[in-house]
Amino acid sequence: MNKKQKKQLDNLIIDYLRDRGKSHELKVADDLSERFEGKLHAATVLVRIDRMKKSNELRHEAKAVHDTMVWAKKL
């Protein structure tokens, strides 16, 4: 996945959350994967979400994610 694709995926996740409101991160990954008929893997979405939680460069955009996302508890 190149830098442009990663940025597009980040924006897609943020837009999804703005449209849907509060969602569980696993549901977001499943819904986006279904929307792209398996071309976008749920695991890829989860990795990007995890990165958004930690990233400095995405902090402003990730604020929207933090405000609306219900995070899965790590086992």
PDB file of N, CA and C in Angstrom:
ATOM      1  N   MET A   1       0.841  -1.170   0.000  1.00  0.00           N
ATOM      2  CA  MET A   1       0.000   0.000   0.000  1.00  0.00           C
ATOM      3  C   MET A   1       0.894   1.244   0.000  1.00  0.00           C
ATOM      4  N   ASN A   2       0.726   2.102  -1.002  1.00  0.00           N
ATOM      5  CA  ASN A   2       1.571   3.295  -1.062  1.00  0.00           C
ATOM      6  C   ASN A   2       1.000   4.432  -0.204  1.00  0.00           C
ATOM      7  N   LYS A   3       1.750   5.513  -0.128  1.00  0.00           N
ATOM      8  CA  LYS A   3       1.389   6.625   0.764  1.00  0.00           C
ATOM      9  C   LYS A   3       0.033   7.239   0.390  1.00  0.00           C
ATOM     10  N   LYS A   4      -0.214   7.376  -0.905  1.00  0.00           N
ATOM     11  CA  LYS A   4      -1.479   7.958  -1.369  1.00  0.00           C
ATOM     12  C   LYS A   4      -2.655   7.062  -0.977  1.00  0.00           C
ATOM     13  N   GLN A   5      -2.506   5.761  -1.143  1.00  0.00           N
ATOM     14  CA  GLN A   5      -3.566   4.821  -0.777  1.00  0.00           C
ATOM     15  C   GLN A   5      -3.832   4.849   0.724  1.00  0.00           C
ATOM     16  N   LYS A   6      -2.763   4.965   1.516  1.00  0.00           N
ATOM     17  CA  LYS A   6      -2.920   5.026   2.972  1.00  0.00           C
ATOM     18  C   LYS A   6      -3.703   6.267   3.369  1.00  0.00           C
ATOM     19  N   LYS A   7      -3.376   7.402   2.756  1.00  0.00           N
ATOM     20  CA  LYS A   7      -4.080   8.657   3.054  1.00  0.00           C
ATOM     21  C   LYS A   7      -5.548   8.550   2.648  1.00  0.00           C
ATOM     22  N   GLN A   8      -5.819   7.921   1.492  1.00  0.00           N
ATOM     23  CA  GLN A   8      -7.195   7.733   1.049  1.00  0.00           C
ATOM     24  C   GLN A   8      -7.965   6.860   2.035  1.00  0.00           C
ATOM     25  N   LEU A   9      -7.323   5.822   2.528  1.00  0.00           N
ATOM     26  CA  LEU A   9      -7.967   4.934   3.494  1.00  0.00           C
ATOM     27  C   LEU A   9      -8.234   5.671   4.802  1.00  0.00           C
ATOM     28  N   ASP A  10      -7.267   6.480   5.252  1.00  0.00           N
ATOM     29  CA  ASP A  10      -7.480   7.281   6.464  1.00  0.00           C
ATOM     30  C   ASP A  10      -8.699   8.182   6.297  1.00  0.00           C
ATOM     31  N   ASN A  11      -8.785   8.854   5.150  1.00  0.00           N
ATOM     32  CA  ASN A  11      -9.919   9.743   4.887  1.00  0.00           C
ATOM     33  C   ASN A  11     -11.227   8.974   4.800  1.00  0.00           C
ATOM     34  N   LEU A  12     -11.179   7.789   4.217  1.00  0.00           N
ATOM     35  CA  LEU A  12     -12.363   6.940   4.113  1.00  0.00           C
ATOM     36  C   LEU A  12     -12.881   6.555   5.498  1.00  0.00           C
ATOM     37  N   ILE A  13     -11.966   6.198   6.391  1.00  0.00           N
ATOM     38  CA  ILE A  13     -12.342   5.828   7.758  1.00  0.00           C
ATOM     39  C   ILE A  13     -12.973   7.027   8.469  1.00  0.00           C
ATOM     40  N   ILE A  14     -12.354   8.192   8.339  1.00  0.00           N
ATOM     41  CA  ILE A  14     -12.874   9.399   8.986  1.00  0.00           C
ATOM     42  C   ILE A  14     -14.255   9.751   8.437  1.00  0.00           C
ATOM     43  N   ASP A  15     -14.417   9.694   7.116  1.00  0.00           N
ATOM     44  CA  ASP A  15     -15.717   9.987   6.505  1.00  0.00           C
ATOM     45  C   ASP A  15     -16.777   9.000   6.958  1.00  0.00           C
ATOM     46  N   TYR A  16     -16.399   7.730   7.022  1.00  0.00           N
ATOM     47  CA  TYR A  16     -17.333   6.692   7.478  1.00  0.00           C
ATOM     48  C   TYR A  16     -17.836   7.019   8.881  1.00  0.00           C
ATOM     49  N   LEU A  17     -16.922   7.388   9.772  1.00  0.00           N
ATOM     50  CA  LEU A  17     -17.301   7.682  11.156  1.00  0.00           C
ATOM     51  C   LEU A  17     -18.165   8.935  11.257  1.00  0.00           C
ATOM     52  N   ARG A  18     -17.884   9.907  10.426  1.00  0.00           N
ATOM     53  CA  ARG A  18     -18.710  11.122  10.437  1.00  0.00           C
ATOM     54  C   ARG A  18     -20.124  10.810   9.962  1.00  0.00           C
ATOM     55  N   ASP A  19     -20.256   9.914   8.973  1.00  0.00           N
ATOM     56  CA  ASP A  19     -21.579   9.537   8.460  1.00  0.00           C
ATOM     57  C   ASP A  19     -22.353   8.675   9.446  1.00  0.00           C
ATOM     58  N   ARG A  20     -21.690   7.696  10.020  1.00  0.00           N
ATOM     59  CA  ARG A  20     -22.357   6.692  10.843  1.00  0.00           C
ATOM     60  C   ARG A  20     -22.431   7.031  12.322  1.00  0.00           C
ATOM     61  N   GLY A  21     -21.535   7.893  12.781  1.00  0.00           N
ATOM     62  CA  GLY A  21     -21.492   8.175  14.212  1.00  0.00           C
ATOM     63  C   GLY A  21     -20.739   7.080  14.943  1.00  0.00           C
ATOM     64  N   LYS A  22     -21.080   6.866  16.188  1.00  0.00           N
ATOM     65  CA  LYS A  22     -20.334   5.956  17.053  1.00  0.00           C
ATOM     66  C   LYS A  22     -20.389   4.527  16.508  1.00  0.00           C
ATOM     67  N   SER A  23     -19.238   3.932  16.318  1.00  0.00           N
ATOM     68  CA  SER A  23     -19.142   2.571  15.790  1.00  0.00           C
ATOM     69  C   SER A  23     -17.992   1.846  16.463  1.00  0.00           C
ATOM     70  N   HIS A  24     -18.118   0.544  16.518  1.00  0.00           N
ATOM     71  CA  HIS A  24     -17.033  -0.292  17.033  1.00  0.00           C
ATOM     72  C   HIS A  24     -16.012  -0.473  15.914  1.00  0.00           C
ATOM     73  N   GLU A  25     -14.724  -0.457  16.255  1.00  0.00           N
ATOM     74  CA  GLU A  25     -13.692  -0.515  15.211  1.00  0.00           C
ATOM     75  C   GLU A  25     -13.790  -1.773  14.351  1.00  0.00           C
ATOM     76  N   LEU A  26     -14.214  -2.901  14.926  1.00  0.00           N
ATOM     77  CA  LEU A  26     -14.348  -4.129  14.132  1.00  0.00           C
ATOM     78  C   LEU A  26     -15.499  -4.008  13.135  1.00  0.00           C
ATOM     79  N   LYS A  27     -16.581  -3.329  13.521  1.00  0.00           N
ATOM     80  CA  LYS A  27     -17.710  -3.113  12.607  1.00  0.00           C
ATOM     81  C   LYS A  27     -17.294  -2.191  11.462  1.00  0.00           C
ATOM     82  N   VAL A  28     -16.531  -1.160  11.784  1.00  0.00           N
ATOM     83  CA  VAL A  28     -16.035  -0.252  10.743  1.00  0.00           C
ATOM     84  C   VAL A  28     -15.217  -1.042   9.721  1.00  0.00           C
ATOM     85  N   ALA A  29     -14.320  -1.883  10.206  1.00  0.00           N
ATOM     86  CA  ALA A  29     -13.468  -2.683   9.318  1.00  0.00           C
ATOM     87  C   ALA A  29     -14.303  -3.620   8.453  1.00  0.00           C
ATOM     88  N   ASP A  30     -15.291  -4.287   9.052  1.00  0.00           N
ATOM     89  CA  ASP A  30     -16.148  -5.203   8.293  1.00  0.00           C
ATOM     90  C   ASP A  30     -16.967  -4.462   7.241  1.00  0.00           C
ATOM     91  N   ASP A  31     -17.571  -3.340   7.625  1.00  0.00           N
ATOM     92  CA  ASP A  31     -18.410  -2.583   6.695  1.00  0.00           C
ATOM     93  C   ASP A  31     -17.610  -2.044   5.514  1.00  0.00           C
ATOM     94  N   LEU A  32     -16.426  -1.508   5.787  1.00  0.00           N
ATOM     95  CA  LEU A  32     -15.608  -0.975   4.693  1.00  0.00           C
ATOM     96  C   LEU A  32     -15.104  -2.094   3.792  1.00  0.00           C
ATOM     97  N   SER A  33     -14.790  -3.237   4.379  1.00  0.00           N
ATOM     98  CA  SER A  33     -14.353  -4.381   3.586  1.00  0.00           C
ATOM     99  C   SER A  33     -15.481  -4.854   2.665  1.00  0.00           C
ATOM    100  N   GLU A  34     -16.701  -4.924   3.203  1.00  0.00           N
ATOM    101  CA  GLU A  34     -17.860  -5.333   2.394  1.00  0.00           C
ATOM    102  C   GLU A  34     -18.141  -4.329   1.287  1.00  0.00           C
ATOM    103  N   ARG A  35     -18.010  -3.054   1.607  1.00  0.00           N
ATOM    104  CA  ARG A  35     -18.291  -2.004   0.623  1.00  0.00           C
ATOM    105  C   ARG A  35     -17.391  -2.145  -0.604  1.00  0.00           C
ATOM    106  N   PHE A  36     -16.160  -2.602  -0.388  1.00  0.00           N
ATOM    107  CA  PHE A  36     -15.229  -2.774  -1.497  1.00  0.00           C
ATOM    108  C   PHE A  36     -15.137  -4.228  -1.940  1.00  0.00           C
ATOM    109  N   GLU A  37     -16.121  -5.020  -1.561  1.00  0.00           N
ATOM    110  CA  GLU A  37     -16.275  -6.404  -2.017  1.00  0.00           C
ATOM    111  C   GLU A  37     -15.003  -7.218  -1.868  1.00  0.00           C
ATOM    112  N   GLY A  38     -14.365  -7.093  -0.709  1.00  0.00           N
ATOM    113  CA  GLY A  38     -13.200  -7.918  -0.419  1.00  0.00           C
ATOM    114  C   GLY A  38     -11.883  -7.409  -0.973  1.00  0.00           C
ATOM    115  N   LYS A  39     -11.919  -6.345  -1.779  1.00  0.00           N
ATOM    116  CA  LYS A  39     -10.663  -5.800  -2.310  1.00  0.00           C
ATOM    117  C   LYS A  39      -9.885  -5.066  -1.226  1.00  0.00           C
ATOM    118  N   LEU A  40     -10.606  -4.633  -0.202  1.00  0.00           N
ATOM    119  CA  LEU A  40      -9.986  -3.979   0.947  1.00  0.00           C
ATOM    120  C   LEU A  40     -10.191  -4.897   2.143  1.00  0.00           C
ATOM    121  N   HIS A  41      -9.108  -5.413   2.677  1.00  0.00           N
ATOM    122  CA  HIS A  41      -9.216  -6.375   3.771  1.00  0.00           C
ATOM    123  C   HIS A  41      -9.497  -5.676   5.095  1.00  0.00           C
ATOM    124  N   ALA A  42     -10.323  -6.303   5.920  1.00  0.00           N
ATOM    125  CA  ALA A  42     -10.670  -5.751   7.229  1.00  0.00           C
ATOM    126  C   ALA A  42      -9.422  -5.541   8.082  1.00  0.00           C
ATOM    127  N   ALA A  43      -8.465  -6.453   7.967  1.00  0.00           N
ATOM    128  CA  ALA A  43      -7.225  -6.333   8.749  1.00  0.00           C
ATOM    129  C   ALA A  43      -6.463  -5.061   8.380  1.00  0.00           C
ATOM    130  N   THR A  44      -6.481  -4.697   7.105  1.00  0.00           N
ATOM    131  CA  THR A  44      -5.816  -3.473   6.661  1.00  0.00           C
ATOM    132  C   THR A  44      -6.463  -2.254   7.304  1.00  0.00           C
ATOM    133  N   VAL A  45      -7.798  -2.257   7.353  1.00  0.00           N
ATOM    134  CA  VAL A  45      -8.527  -1.148   7.973  1.00  0.00           C
ATOM    135  C   VAL A  45      -8.172  -1.054   9.452  1.00  0.00           C
ATOM    136  N   LEU A  46      -8.122  -2.198  10.135  1.00  0.00           N
ATOM    137  CA  LEU A  46      -7.791  -2.201  11.562  1.00  0.00           C
ATOM    138  C   LEU A  46      -6.378  -1.673  11.813  1.00  0.00           C
ATOM    139  N   VAL A  47      -5.442  -2.022  10.933  1.00  0.00           N
ATOM    140  CA  VAL A  47      -4.069  -1.526  11.068  1.00  0.00           C
ATOM    141  C   VAL A  47      -4.050  -0.005  10.919  1.00  0.00           C
ATOM    142  N   ARG A  48      -4.781   0.522   9.950  1.00  0.00           N
ATOM    143  CA  ARG A  48      -4.823   1.975   9.753  1.00  0.00           C
ATOM    144  C   ARG A  48      -5.489   2.666  10.942  1.00  0.00           C
ATOM    145  N   ILE A  49      -6.547   2.081  11.477  1.00  0.00           N
ATOM    146  CA  ILE A  49      -7.210   2.655  12.649  1.00  0.00           C
ATOM    147  C   ILE A  49      -6.239   2.687  13.820  1.00  0.00           C
ATOM    148  N   ASP A  50      -5.510   1.598  14.005  1.00  0.00           N
ATOM    149  CA  ASP A  50      -4.546   1.525  15.104  1.00  0.00           C
ATOM    150  C   ASP A  50      -3.474   2.605  14.936  1.00  0.00           C
ATOM    151  N   ARG A  51      -3.031   2.815  13.710  1.00  0.00           N
ATOM    152  CA  ARG A  51      -2.025   3.842  13.443  1.00  0.00           C
ATOM    153  C   ARG A  51      -2.586   5.227  13.735  1.00  0.00           C
ATOM    154  N   MET A  52      -3.843   5.449  13.395  1.00  0.00           N
ATOM    155  CA  MET A  52      -4.468   6.748  13.635  1.00  0.00           C
ATOM    156  C   MET A  52      -4.528   7.063  15.131  1.00  0.00           C
ATOM    157  N   LYS A  53      -4.647   6.039  15.938  1.00  0.00           N
ATOM    158  CA  LYS A  53      -4.707   6.250  17.384  1.00  0.00           C
ATOM    159  C   LYS A  53      -3.371   6.766  17.916  1.00  0.00           C
ATOM    160  N   LYS A  54      -2.271   6.404  17.237  1.00  0.00           N
ATOM    161  CA  LYS A  54      -0.926   6.696  17.740  1.00  0.00           C
ATOM    162  C   LYS A  54      -0.214   7.827  17.004  1.00  0.00           C
ATOM    163  N   SER A  55      -0.709   8.207  15.848  1.00  0.00           N
ATOM    164  CA  SER A  55       0.017   9.101  14.952  1.00  0.00           C
ATOM    165  C   SER A  55      -0.021  10.565  15.380  1.00  0.00           C
ATOM    166  N   ASN A  56       1.118  11.218  15.276  1.00  0.00           N
ATOM    167  CA  ASN A  56       1.175  12.661  15.513  1.00  0.00           C
ATOM    168  C   ASN A  56       0.654  13.438  14.314  1.00  0.00           C
ATOM    169  N   GLU A  57       1.011  12.990  13.108  1.00  0.00           N
ATOM    170  CA  GLU A  57       0.625  13.731  11.913  1.00  0.00           C
ATOM    171  C   GLU A  57      -0.880  13.669  11.668  1.00  0.00           C
ATOM    172  N   LEU A  58      -1.537  12.649  12.198  1.00  0.00           N
ATOM    173  CA  LEU A  58      -2.981  12.519  12.012  1.00  0.00           C
ATOM    174  C   LEU A  58      -3.756  12.930  13.260  1.00  0.00           C
ATOM    175  N   ARG A  59      -3.082  13.538  14.190  1.00  0.00           N
ATOM    176  CA  ARG A  59      -3.732  13.828  15.472  1.00  0.00           C
ATOM    177  C   ARG A  59      -5.027  14.616  15.284  1.00  0.00           C
ATOM    178  N   HIS A  60      -5.005  15.651  14.419  1.00  0.00           N
ATOM    179  CA  HIS A  60      -6.204  16.470  14.231  1.00  0.00           C
ATOM    180  C   HIS A  60      -7.339  15.636  13.635  1.00  0.00           C
ATOM    181  N   GLU A  61      -7.031  14.891  12.560  1.00  0.00           N
ATOM    182  CA  GLU A  61      -8.048  14.052  11.938  1.00  0.00           C
ATOM    183  C   GLU A  61      -8.459  12.918  12.868  1.00  0.00           C
ATOM    184  N   ALA A  62      -7.483  12.383  13.585  1.00  0.00           N
ATOM    185  CA  ALA A  62      -7.767  11.260  14.471  1.00  0.00           C
ATOM    186  C   ALA A  62      -8.651  11.680  15.636  1.00  0.00           C
ATOM    187  N   LYS A  63      -8.712  12.979  15.925  1.00  0.00           N
ATOM    188  CA  LYS A  63      -9.598  13.465  16.987  1.00  0.00           C
ATOM    189  C   LYS A  63     -11.031  13.056  16.668  1.00  0.00           C
ATOM    190  N   ALA A  64     -11.421  13.168  15.403  1.00  0.00           N
ATOM    191  CA  ALA A  64     -12.761  12.748  14.991  1.00  0.00           C
ATOM    192  C   ALA A  64     -12.943  11.259  15.227  1.00  0.00           C
ATOM    193  N   VAL A  65     -11.885  10.498  14.984  1.00  0.00           N
ATOM    194  CA  VAL A  65     -11.941   9.059  15.203  1.00  0.00           C
ATOM    195  C   VAL A  65     -12.068   8.762  16.695  1.00  0.00           C
ATOM    196  N   HIS A  66     -11.250   9.414  17.508  1.00  0.00           N
ATOM    197  CA  HIS A  66     -11.303   9.199  18.957  1.00  0.00           C
ATOM    198  C   HIS A  66     -12.671   9.562  19.523  1.00  0.00           C
ATOM    199  N   ASP A  67     -13.294  10.607  18.981  1.00  0.00           N
ATOM    200  CA  ASP A  67     -14.582  11.059  19.495  1.00  0.00           C
ATOM    201  C   ASP A  67     -15.716  10.105  19.145  1.00  0.00           C
ATOM    202  N   THR A  68     -15.564   9.328  18.073  1.00  0.00           N
ATOM    203  CA  THR A  68     -16.683   8.500  17.619  1.00  0.00           C
ATOM    204  C   THR A  68     -16.438   6.996  17.689  1.00  0.00           C
ATOM    205  N   MET A  69     -15.189   6.584  17.844  1.00  0.00           N
ATOM    206  CA  MET A  69     -14.874   5.157  17.775  1.00  0.00           C
ATOM    207  C   MET A  69     -15.022   4.477  19.128  1.00  0.00           C
ATOM    208  N   VAL A  70     -15.588   3.294  19.109  1.00  0.00           N
ATOM    209  CA  VAL A  70     -15.580   2.440  20.296  1.00  0.00           C
ATOM    210  C   VAL A  70     -14.455   1.445  20.061  1.00  0.00           C
ATOM    211  N   TRP A  71     -13.398   1.530  20.851  1.00  0.00           N
ATOM    212  CA  TRP A  71     -12.211   0.707  20.609  1.00  0.00           C
ATOM    213  C   TRP A  71     -12.408  -0.706  21.147  1.00  0.00           C
ATOM    214  N   ALA A  72     -11.935  -1.660  20.388  1.00  0.00           N
ATOM    215  CA  ALA A  72     -11.968  -3.057  20.840  1.00  0.00           C
ATOM    216  C   ALA A  72     -10.936  -3.214  21.940  1.00  0.00           C
ATOM    217  N   LYS A  73     -11.273  -3.969  22.948  1.00  0.00           N
ATOM    218  CA  LYS A  73     -10.312  -4.216  24.026  1.00  0.00           C
ATOM    219  C   LYS A  73      -9.310  -5.252  23.549  1.00  0.00           C
ATOM    220  N   LYS A  74      -8.062  -4.997  23.829  1.00  0.00           N
ATOM    221  CA  LYS A  74      -7.016  -5.953  23.456  1.00  0.00           C
ATOM    222  C   LYS A  74      -7.056  -7.130  24.415  1.00  0.00           C
ATOM    223  N   LEU A  75      -6.884  -8.317  23.881  1.00  0.00           N
ATOM    224  CA  LEU A  75      -6.923  -9.517  24.726  1.00  0.00           C
ATOM    225  C   LEU A  75      -5.613  -9.713  25.442  1.00  0.00           C
TER     226      LEU A  75
END
